[in-house]
N, C-alpha and C. Protein backbone atom coordinates (compact mmCIF):
# COMPACT_ATOMS: atom_id res chain seq x y z
N MET A 1 0.85 -1.16 0.00
CA MET A 1 0.00 0.00 0.00
C MET A 1 0.90 1.23 0.00
N ALA A 2 1.12 1.76 -1.16
CA ALA A 2 2.01 2.92 -1.28
C ALA A 2 1.26 4.19 -0.95
N GLY A 3 2.01 5.14 -0.49
CA GLY A 3 1.44 6.44 -0.18
C GLY A 3 2.55 7.45 -0.05
N ASP A 4 2.19 8.67 0.30
CA ASP A 4 3.22 9.69 0.48
C ASP A 4 3.68 9.69 1.93
N ALA A 5 4.52 10.64 2.28
CA ALA A 5 5.10 10.70 3.62
C ALA A 5 4.06 10.93 4.71
N THR A 6 2.89 11.43 4.35
CA THR A 6 1.84 11.67 5.35
C THR A 6 0.95 10.45 5.53
N GLY A 7 1.20 9.40 4.77
CA GLY A 7 0.37 8.21 4.86
C GLY A 7 -0.85 8.27 3.96
N GLN A 8 -0.96 9.32 3.15
CA GLN A 8 -2.08 9.44 2.23
C GLN A 8 -1.82 8.57 1.01
N PRO A 9 -2.88 8.02 0.41
CA PRO A 9 -2.67 7.19 -0.77
C PRO A 9 -2.13 8.00 -1.93
N ALA A 10 -1.36 7.35 -2.77
CA ALA A 10 -0.83 8.01 -3.97
C ALA A 10 -1.99 8.43 -4.85
N ALA A 11 -1.79 9.48 -5.63
CA ALA A 11 -2.86 10.03 -6.47
C ALA A 11 -3.44 8.98 -7.41
N GLY A 12 -2.60 8.12 -7.96
CA GLY A 12 -3.08 7.07 -8.86
C GLY A 12 -4.02 6.10 -8.17
N GLN A 13 -3.69 5.75 -6.93
CA GLN A 13 -4.57 4.85 -6.17
C GLN A 13 -5.91 5.50 -5.93
N THR A 14 -5.91 6.76 -5.58
CA THR A 14 -7.14 7.48 -5.30
C THR A 14 -8.01 7.54 -6.56
N ARG A 15 -7.41 7.82 -7.70
CA ARG A 15 -8.17 7.87 -8.96
C ARG A 15 -8.75 6.51 -9.31
N ARG A 16 -7.95 5.46 -9.17
CA ARG A 16 -8.43 4.11 -9.49
C ARG A 16 -9.58 3.71 -8.57
N ARG A 17 -9.42 3.97 -7.28
CA ARG A 17 -10.46 3.64 -6.32
C ARG A 17 -11.74 4.40 -6.66
N GLY A 18 -11.61 5.68 -7.01
CA GLY A 18 -12.77 6.48 -7.38
C GLY A 18 -13.44 5.95 -8.64
N ALA A 19 -12.64 5.51 -9.60
CA ALA A 19 -13.20 4.96 -10.84
C ALA A 19 -13.97 3.67 -10.57
N VAL A 20 -13.41 2.81 -9.75
CA VAL A 20 -14.07 1.54 -9.41
C VAL A 20 -15.38 1.83 -8.67
N MET A 21 -15.34 2.71 -7.69
CA MET A 21 -16.55 3.04 -6.94
C MET A 21 -17.58 3.72 -7.84
N GLY A 22 -17.13 4.58 -8.75
CA GLY A 22 -18.04 5.25 -9.68
C GLY A 22 -18.77 4.25 -10.56
N ARG A 23 -18.06 3.21 -11.02
CA ARG A 23 -18.71 2.17 -11.83
C ARG A 23 -19.72 1.38 -11.00
N ALA A 24 -19.38 1.10 -9.73
CA ALA A 24 -20.31 0.39 -8.85
C ALA A 24 -21.58 1.21 -8.63
N VAL A 25 -21.43 2.52 -8.46
CA VAL A 25 -22.60 3.39 -8.30
C VAL A 25 -23.43 3.39 -9.59
N ALA A 26 -22.78 3.49 -10.73
CA ALA A 26 -23.49 3.50 -12.02
C ALA A 26 -24.28 2.22 -12.24
N ARG A 27 -23.76 1.09 -11.75
CA ARG A 27 -24.46 -0.20 -11.90
C ARG A 27 -25.52 -0.40 -10.82
N GLY A 28 -25.59 0.50 -9.85
CA GLY A 28 -26.55 0.35 -8.76
C GLY A 28 -26.09 -0.58 -7.66
N GLU A 29 -24.81 -0.94 -7.66
CA GLU A 29 -24.27 -1.85 -6.65
C GLU A 29 -23.81 -1.12 -5.40
N ALA A 30 -23.67 0.19 -5.49
CA ALA A 30 -23.25 1.01 -4.35
C ALA A 30 -24.04 2.31 -4.40
N SER A 31 -24.26 2.88 -3.24
CA SER A 31 -24.99 4.14 -3.18
C SER A 31 -24.05 5.29 -3.57
N PRO A 32 -24.59 6.39 -4.08
CA PRO A 32 -23.74 7.53 -4.44
C PRO A 32 -22.94 8.05 -3.25
N GLU A 33 -23.47 7.93 -2.05
CA GLU A 33 -22.76 8.39 -0.85
C GLU A 33 -21.49 7.57 -0.60
N ALA A 34 -21.39 6.40 -1.21
CA ALA A 34 -20.20 5.57 -1.05
C ALA A 34 -18.97 6.21 -1.68
N LEU A 35 -19.18 7.24 -2.50
CA LEU A 35 -18.05 7.92 -3.13
C LEU A 35 -17.33 8.87 -2.18
N HIS A 36 -17.89 9.08 -0.99
CA HIS A 36 -17.22 9.93 0.00
C HIS A 36 -15.86 9.32 0.30
N PRO A 37 -14.80 10.11 0.34
CA PRO A 37 -13.45 9.56 0.55
C PRO A 37 -13.31 8.70 1.81
N ARG A 38 -13.97 9.05 2.88
CA ARG A 38 -13.87 8.24 4.11
C ARG A 38 -14.48 6.86 3.91
N VAL A 39 -15.57 6.80 3.17
CA VAL A 39 -16.22 5.52 2.91
C VAL A 39 -15.38 4.71 1.92
N ALA A 40 -14.94 5.37 0.86
CA ALA A 40 -14.20 4.68 -0.19
C ALA A 40 -12.90 4.06 0.33
N THR A 41 -12.32 4.63 1.37
CA THR A 41 -11.04 4.12 1.89
C THR A 41 -11.18 3.27 3.15
N ALA A 42 -12.40 3.04 3.61
CA ALA A 42 -12.61 2.34 4.88
C ALA A 42 -11.96 0.96 4.91
N ALA A 43 -12.10 0.18 3.85
CA ALA A 43 -11.53 -1.17 3.85
C ALA A 43 -10.00 -1.12 3.96
N MET A 44 -9.37 -0.20 3.24
CA MET A 44 -7.91 -0.10 3.30
C MET A 44 -7.45 0.34 4.69
N VAL A 45 -8.20 1.22 5.31
CA VAL A 45 -7.84 1.68 6.65
C VAL A 45 -7.95 0.52 7.65
N LEU A 46 -9.01 -0.27 7.54
CA LEU A 46 -9.15 -1.43 8.43
C LEU A 46 -8.04 -2.45 8.19
N LEU A 47 -7.67 -2.65 6.95
CA LEU A 47 -6.58 -3.58 6.64
C LEU A 47 -5.25 -3.06 7.18
N ARG A 48 -4.99 -1.79 7.00
CA ARG A 48 -3.76 -1.19 7.54
C ARG A 48 -3.73 -1.35 9.06
N ASN A 49 -4.86 -1.19 9.70
CA ASN A 49 -4.94 -1.36 11.15
C ASN A 49 -4.55 -2.79 11.55
N GLU A 50 -4.97 -3.76 10.77
CA GLU A 50 -4.59 -5.15 11.05
C GLU A 50 -3.07 -5.30 11.04
N PHE A 51 -2.42 -4.71 10.03
CA PHE A 51 -0.96 -4.82 9.93
C PHE A 51 -0.29 -4.15 11.12
N VAL A 52 -0.75 -2.98 11.49
CA VAL A 52 -0.13 -2.22 12.58
C VAL A 52 -0.36 -2.90 13.92
N VAL A 53 -1.59 -3.27 14.20
CA VAL A 53 -1.93 -3.85 15.51
C VAL A 53 -1.28 -5.22 15.69
N ARG A 54 -1.32 -6.04 14.66
CA ARG A 54 -0.76 -7.39 14.76
C ARG A 54 0.73 -7.44 14.48
N GLY A 55 1.26 -6.41 13.83
CA GLY A 55 2.69 -6.37 13.53
C GLY A 55 3.12 -7.42 12.53
N VAL A 56 2.23 -7.72 11.58
CA VAL A 56 2.52 -8.73 10.57
C VAL A 56 2.41 -8.12 9.17
N PRO A 57 3.11 -8.70 8.18
CA PRO A 57 3.06 -8.13 6.82
C PRO A 57 1.86 -8.58 5.99
N THR A 58 1.12 -9.58 6.47
CA THR A 58 -0.06 -10.07 5.75
C THR A 58 -1.21 -10.27 6.72
N ALA A 59 -2.41 -10.30 6.17
CA ALA A 59 -3.60 -10.57 6.98
C ALA A 59 -4.18 -11.92 6.55
N PRO A 60 -4.67 -12.69 7.51
CA PRO A 60 -5.27 -13.98 7.16
C PRO A 60 -6.50 -13.79 6.26
N ASP A 61 -6.79 -14.80 5.46
CA ASP A 61 -7.94 -14.72 4.56
C ASP A 61 -9.24 -14.43 5.30
N ASP A 62 -9.42 -15.01 6.49
CA ASP A 62 -10.68 -14.78 7.21
C ASP A 62 -10.84 -13.31 7.60
N VAL A 63 -9.75 -12.62 7.86
CA VAL A 63 -9.81 -11.19 8.18
C VAL A 63 -10.20 -10.41 6.93
N LEU A 64 -9.63 -10.75 5.78
CA LEU A 64 -9.97 -10.08 4.53
C LEU A 64 -11.45 -10.27 4.19
N VAL A 65 -11.93 -11.50 4.35
CA VAL A 65 -13.34 -11.79 4.08
C VAL A 65 -14.23 -11.02 5.04
N GLU A 66 -13.86 -10.99 6.31
CA GLU A 66 -14.66 -10.27 7.31
C GLU A 66 -14.73 -8.77 7.01
N ILE A 67 -13.59 -8.16 6.70
CA ILE A 67 -13.57 -6.73 6.38
C ILE A 67 -14.45 -6.46 5.16
N THR A 68 -14.34 -7.31 4.16
CA THR A 68 -15.11 -7.10 2.93
C THR A 68 -16.60 -7.37 3.12
N ASP A 69 -16.92 -8.56 3.62
CA ASP A 69 -18.32 -8.99 3.68
C ASP A 69 -19.12 -8.40 4.84
N GLU A 70 -18.47 -8.19 5.97
CA GLU A 70 -19.20 -7.74 7.15
C GLU A 70 -19.17 -6.23 7.36
N VAL A 71 -18.19 -5.57 6.77
CA VAL A 71 -18.05 -4.13 7.00
C VAL A 71 -18.19 -3.33 5.71
N TYR A 72 -17.30 -3.59 4.75
CA TYR A 72 -17.22 -2.70 3.58
C TYR A 72 -18.42 -2.80 2.64
N LEU A 73 -18.78 -4.01 2.23
CA LEU A 73 -19.91 -4.12 1.30
C LEU A 73 -21.21 -3.60 1.89
N PRO A 74 -21.55 -3.95 3.13
CA PRO A 74 -22.76 -3.35 3.70
C PRO A 74 -22.68 -1.82 3.78
N LEU A 75 -21.50 -1.30 4.05
CA LEU A 75 -21.34 0.15 4.15
C LEU A 75 -21.60 0.83 2.81
N VAL A 76 -21.01 0.33 1.74
CA VAL A 76 -21.18 1.00 0.45
C VAL A 76 -22.53 0.73 -0.18
N ARG A 77 -23.14 -0.37 0.15
CA ARG A 77 -24.45 -0.69 -0.44
C ARG A 77 -25.60 0.03 0.24
N GLN A 78 -25.51 0.25 1.53
CA GLN A 78 -26.66 0.75 2.28
C GLN A 78 -26.48 2.15 2.81
N ARG A 79 -25.41 2.79 2.50
CA ARG A 79 -25.16 4.12 3.05
C ARG A 79 -26.14 5.12 2.48
N GLY A 80 -26.80 5.85 3.35
CA GLY A 80 -27.73 6.89 2.93
C GLY A 80 -27.11 8.25 3.10
N PRO A 81 -27.82 9.29 2.70
CA PRO A 81 -27.29 10.65 2.86
C PRO A 81 -27.08 11.00 4.32
N ALA A 82 -26.07 11.79 4.58
CA ALA A 82 -25.79 12.23 5.95
C ALA A 82 -26.92 13.13 6.43
N THR A 83 -27.27 12.98 7.69
CA THR A 83 -28.30 13.84 8.27
C THR A 83 -27.64 14.98 9.01
N PRO A 84 -28.15 16.20 8.85
CA PRO A 84 -27.55 17.34 9.55
C PRO A 84 -27.73 17.21 11.06
N ASN A 85 -26.74 17.69 11.81
CA ASN A 85 -26.81 17.64 13.28
C ASN A 85 -27.62 18.77 13.82
């Protein structure tokens, strides 16, 4: 997971992620609100947390499946518009 010195994703990664999410929205597989940068990067942030907390270079398959199936896909599929406070 490459990024700059601040830990931000490289511009190419951000564009690719946005393109993939944009296609998912166009197909109706993700809500338009899923394009929010915090939502779009949630899975990568959770994966990075696994590496940092566990101190390992890889994550087990069950962790990848859990992040994808239990957190990320429900988040991008069911996210509604933000409500004002």
